């Protein structure tokens, strides 16, 4: 079973994504901040859905932390500017 880490500060969005993934047989954890995510990234995940706009630190810093892990990262954002990332 694939294990996914959702890093999303909007709890409602995180819950909706988690419900969808659970229904599709994924194992899912949710972190709601940069520091919450740091506490979870030592667990082996296959994929990370990362909201780049986190309240306590920019998601780009978290990408640097995740580079050392064997994990695929999908960046999510509500920003419409393609140059933002």
N, C-alpha and C. Protein backbone atom coordinates (compact mmCIF):
# COMPACT_ATOMS: atom_id res chain seq x y z
N UNK A 1 0.84 -1.18 0.00
CA UNK A 1 0.00 0.00 0.00
C UNK A 1 0.89 1.25 0.00
N UNK A 2 0.57 2.21 -0.82
CA UNK A 2 1.31 3.47 -0.89
C UNK A 2 0.98 4.34 0.31
N UNK A 3 2.02 4.97 0.83
CA UNK A 3 1.85 5.85 1.98
C UNK A 3 2.11 7.29 1.54
N UNK A 4 1.16 8.18 1.86
CA UNK A 4 1.20 9.57 1.40
C UNK A 4 1.18 10.51 2.59
N UNK A 5 2.03 11.53 2.51
CA UNK A 5 2.02 12.61 3.50
C UNK A 5 1.44 13.85 2.86
N UNK A 6 0.37 14.36 3.44
CA UNK A 6 -0.25 15.61 2.99
C UNK A 6 0.24 16.71 3.94
N UNK A 7 0.84 17.75 3.38
CA UNK A 7 1.25 18.90 4.18
C UNK A 7 0.41 20.08 3.70
N UNK A 8 -0.60 20.40 4.49
CA UNK A 8 -1.61 21.39 4.09
C UNK A 8 -2.07 22.13 5.34
N UNK A 9 -1.93 23.45 5.36
CA UNK A 9 -2.32 24.22 6.54
C UNK A 9 -3.82 24.44 6.64
N UNK A 10 -4.54 24.33 5.54
CA UNK A 10 -5.99 24.45 5.57
C UNK A 10 -6.57 23.09 5.96
N UNK A 11 -7.04 22.99 7.19
CA UNK A 11 -7.49 21.69 7.71
C UNK A 11 -8.63 21.09 6.88
N UNK A 12 -9.54 21.91 6.41
CA UNK A 12 -10.66 21.42 5.60
C UNK A 12 -10.16 20.77 4.31
N UNK A 13 -9.23 21.44 3.64
CA UNK A 13 -8.67 20.87 2.40
C UNK A 13 -7.92 19.58 2.71
N UNK A 14 -7.13 19.59 3.77
CA UNK A 14 -6.39 18.38 4.16
C UNK A 14 -7.30 17.20 4.43
N UNK A 15 -8.41 17.46 5.12
CA UNK A 15 -9.38 16.39 5.42
C UNK A 15 -10.01 15.85 4.14
N UNK A 16 -10.38 16.73 3.22
CA UNK A 16 -11.00 16.29 1.97
C UNK A 16 -10.04 15.44 1.13
N UNK A 17 -8.79 15.87 1.04
CA UNK A 17 -7.80 15.09 0.29
C UNK A 17 -7.58 13.74 0.96
N UNK A 18 -7.46 13.75 2.28
CA UNK A 18 -7.25 12.51 3.02
C UNK A 18 -8.41 11.54 2.81
N UNK A 19 -9.64 12.02 2.89
CA UNK A 19 -10.81 11.14 2.67
C UNK A 19 -10.77 10.50 1.30
N UNK A 20 -10.46 11.31 0.28
CA UNK A 20 -10.39 10.79 -1.08
C UNK A 20 -9.32 9.70 -1.19
N UNK A 21 -8.16 9.96 -0.63
CA UNK A 21 -7.07 8.99 -0.74
C UNK A 21 -7.36 7.72 0.06
N UNK A 22 -7.96 7.86 1.22
CA UNK A 22 -8.31 6.67 2.01
C UNK A 22 -9.31 5.79 1.27
N UNK A 23 -10.28 6.42 0.61
CA UNK A 23 -11.26 5.65 -0.17
C UNK A 23 -10.61 4.89 -1.31
N UNK A 24 -9.45 5.37 -1.75
CA UNK A 24 -8.73 4.75 -2.85
C UNK A 24 -7.56 3.89 -2.35
N UNK A 25 -7.66 3.46 -1.11
CA UNK A 25 -6.76 2.47 -0.53
C UNK A 25 -5.33 2.96 -0.28
N UNK A 26 -5.15 4.25 -0.04
CA UNK A 26 -3.84 4.78 0.33
C UNK A 26 -3.78 4.93 1.84
N UNK A 27 -2.59 4.82 2.38
CA UNK A 27 -2.35 5.12 3.78
C UNK A 27 -1.92 6.59 3.83
N UNK A 28 -2.53 7.38 4.72
CA UNK A 28 -2.36 8.84 4.67
C UNK A 28 -2.09 9.42 6.05
N UNK A 29 -1.12 10.33 6.09
CA UNK A 29 -0.88 11.16 7.27
C UNK A 29 -1.01 12.61 6.83
N UNK A 30 -1.39 13.48 7.76
CA UNK A 30 -1.55 14.90 7.46
C UNK A 30 -0.73 15.72 8.44
N UNK A 31 0.01 16.67 7.91
CA UNK A 31 0.71 17.68 8.72
C UNK A 31 0.12 19.03 8.35
N UNK A 32 -0.04 19.91 9.33
CA UNK A 32 -0.69 21.19 9.07
C UNK A 32 0.28 22.38 9.12
N UNK A 33 1.57 22.10 9.29
CA UNK A 33 2.56 23.18 9.33
C UNK A 33 3.93 22.63 8.98
N UNK A 34 4.87 23.52 8.78
CA UNK A 34 6.25 23.15 8.50
C UNK A 34 6.81 22.29 9.63
N UNK A 35 6.65 22.76 10.87
CA UNK A 35 7.23 22.04 12.00
C UNK A 35 6.50 20.73 12.28
N UNK A 36 5.22 20.68 12.04
CA UNK A 36 4.47 19.43 12.14
C UNK A 36 5.01 18.43 11.11
N UNK A 37 5.27 18.89 9.91
CA UNK A 37 5.80 18.03 8.85
C UNK A 37 7.19 17.51 9.21
N UNK A 38 8.03 18.37 9.78
CA UNK A 38 9.37 17.93 10.18
C UNK A 38 9.33 16.75 11.14
N UNK A 39 8.31 16.75 12.01
CA UNK A 39 8.16 15.64 12.95
C UNK A 39 7.74 14.34 12.29
N UNK A 40 7.25 14.41 11.05
CA UNK A 40 6.72 13.22 10.38
C UNK A 40 7.60 12.71 9.24
N UNK A 41 8.54 13.51 8.76
CA UNK A 41 9.25 13.12 7.54
C UNK A 41 10.25 11.98 7.72
N UNK A 42 10.51 11.59 8.96
CA UNK A 42 11.38 10.42 9.15
C UNK A 42 10.65 9.12 8.88
N UNK A 43 9.32 9.18 8.79
CA UNK A 43 8.53 8.01 8.40
C UNK A 43 8.70 7.84 6.89
N UNK A 44 8.71 6.62 6.42
CA UNK A 44 8.88 6.35 4.99
C UNK A 44 7.56 6.60 4.25
N UNK A 45 7.56 7.61 3.38
CA UNK A 45 6.41 7.93 2.54
C UNK A 45 6.80 7.73 1.08
N UNK A 46 5.82 7.39 0.27
CA UNK A 46 6.05 7.26 -1.17
C UNK A 46 5.88 8.60 -1.87
N UNK A 47 4.91 9.39 -1.39
CA UNK A 47 4.58 10.66 -2.02
C UNK A 47 4.26 11.69 -0.93
N UNK A 48 4.63 12.94 -1.22
CA UNK A 48 4.27 14.06 -0.35
C UNK A 48 3.52 15.08 -1.18
N UNK A 49 2.32 15.45 -0.73
CA UNK A 49 1.57 16.55 -1.33
C UNK A 49 1.86 17.77 -0.47
N UNK A 50 2.63 18.71 -1.00
CA UNK A 50 3.13 19.83 -0.22
C UNK A 50 2.50 21.15 -0.63
N UNK A 51 1.76 21.75 0.30
CA UNK A 51 1.27 23.11 0.11
C UNK A 51 2.47 24.03 0.31
N UNK A 52 2.84 24.74 -0.69
CA UNK A 52 4.05 25.57 -0.64
C UNK A 52 3.87 26.79 0.26
N UNK A 53 2.62 27.17 0.56
CA UNK A 53 2.33 28.34 1.41
C UNK A 53 1.97 27.90 2.82
N UNK A 54 2.96 27.64 3.64
CA UNK A 54 2.71 27.21 5.01
C UNK A 54 2.79 28.41 5.95
N UNK A 55 2.05 28.39 7.04
CA UNK A 55 1.97 29.56 7.91
C UNK A 55 3.24 29.84 8.72
N UNK A 56 3.99 28.79 9.06
CA UNK A 56 5.12 28.98 9.96
C UNK A 56 6.48 28.98 9.28
N UNK A 57 6.52 28.62 8.01
CA UNK A 57 7.76 28.69 7.24
C UNK A 57 7.44 28.36 5.80
N UNK A 58 8.16 28.95 4.90
CA UNK A 58 7.94 28.73 3.47
C UNK A 58 8.16 27.26 3.10
N UNK A 59 7.28 26.72 2.29
CA UNK A 59 7.37 25.33 1.87
C UNK A 59 8.63 24.99 1.11
N UNK A 60 9.27 26.00 0.51
CA UNK A 60 10.53 25.75 -0.19
C UNK A 60 11.59 25.21 0.76
N UNK A 61 11.57 25.65 2.01
CA UNK A 61 12.52 25.13 2.99
C UNK A 61 12.27 23.65 3.25
N UNK A 62 11.02 23.27 3.22
CA UNK A 62 10.68 21.87 3.45
C UNK A 62 11.15 20.99 2.29
N UNK A 63 11.11 21.52 1.09
CA UNK A 63 11.62 20.77 -0.06
C UNK A 63 13.08 20.41 0.17
N UNK A 64 13.85 21.34 0.71
CA UNK A 64 15.26 21.04 1.01
C UNK A 64 15.39 19.91 2.02
N UNK A 65 14.50 19.87 2.99
CA UNK A 65 14.52 18.78 3.98
C UNK A 65 14.13 17.44 3.34
N UNK A 66 13.20 17.48 2.41
CA UNK A 66 12.70 16.26 1.78
C UNK A 66 13.64 15.72 0.70
N UNK A 67 14.55 16.55 0.21
CA UNK A 67 15.48 16.10 -0.83
C UNK A 67 16.30 14.88 -0.40
N UNK A 68 16.57 14.78 0.88
CA UNK A 68 17.38 13.67 1.39
C UNK A 68 16.57 12.39 1.60
N UNK A 69 15.29 12.46 1.38
CA UNK A 69 14.41 11.31 1.55
C UNK A 69 14.09 10.73 0.19
N UNK A 70 13.77 9.46 0.15
CA UNK A 70 13.37 8.83 -1.10
C UNK A 70 11.86 9.01 -1.24
N UNK A 71 11.46 10.22 -1.64
CA UNK A 71 10.04 10.57 -1.69
C UNK A 71 9.78 11.48 -2.90
N UNK A 72 8.68 11.25 -3.55
CA UNK A 72 8.25 12.13 -4.64
C UNK A 72 7.44 13.26 -4.03
N UNK A 73 7.62 14.47 -4.56
CA UNK A 73 6.95 15.65 -4.02
C UNK A 73 6.05 16.25 -5.09
N UNK A 74 4.80 16.45 -4.72
CA UNK A 74 3.85 17.18 -5.58
C UNK A 74 3.53 18.47 -4.85
N UNK A 75 3.85 19.60 -5.49
CA UNK A 75 3.62 20.90 -4.86
C UNK A 75 2.21 21.38 -5.19
N UNK A 76 1.52 21.84 -4.16
CA UNK A 76 0.18 22.40 -4.34
C UNK A 76 0.19 23.84 -3.84
N UNK A 77 -0.67 24.65 -4.41
CA UNK A 77 -0.79 26.04 -3.99
C UNK A 77 -2.10 26.62 -4.50
N UNK A 78 -2.55 27.66 -3.85
CA UNK A 78 -3.73 28.38 -4.35
C UNK A 78 -3.31 29.56 -5.19
N UNK A 79 -2.02 29.82 -5.27
CA UNK A 79 -1.51 30.93 -6.07
C UNK A 79 -1.73 30.63 -7.55
N UNK A 80 -2.07 31.65 -8.32
CA UNK A 80 -2.30 31.45 -9.74
C UNK A 80 -1.12 31.86 -10.59
N UNK A 81 -0.10 32.43 -9.99
CA UNK A 81 1.09 32.88 -10.71
C UNK A 81 2.04 31.70 -10.94
N UNK A 82 2.25 31.33 -12.20
CA UNK A 82 3.12 30.19 -12.52
C UNK A 82 4.56 30.43 -12.09
N UNK A 83 4.98 31.67 -11.97
CA UNK A 83 6.35 31.98 -11.59
C UNK A 83 6.58 31.90 -10.09
N UNK A 84 5.51 31.65 -9.34
CA UNK A 84 5.60 31.61 -7.88
C UNK A 84 6.52 30.50 -7.41
N UNK A 85 6.42 29.35 -8.05
CA UNK A 85 7.22 28.19 -7.64
C UNK A 85 8.57 28.30 -8.26
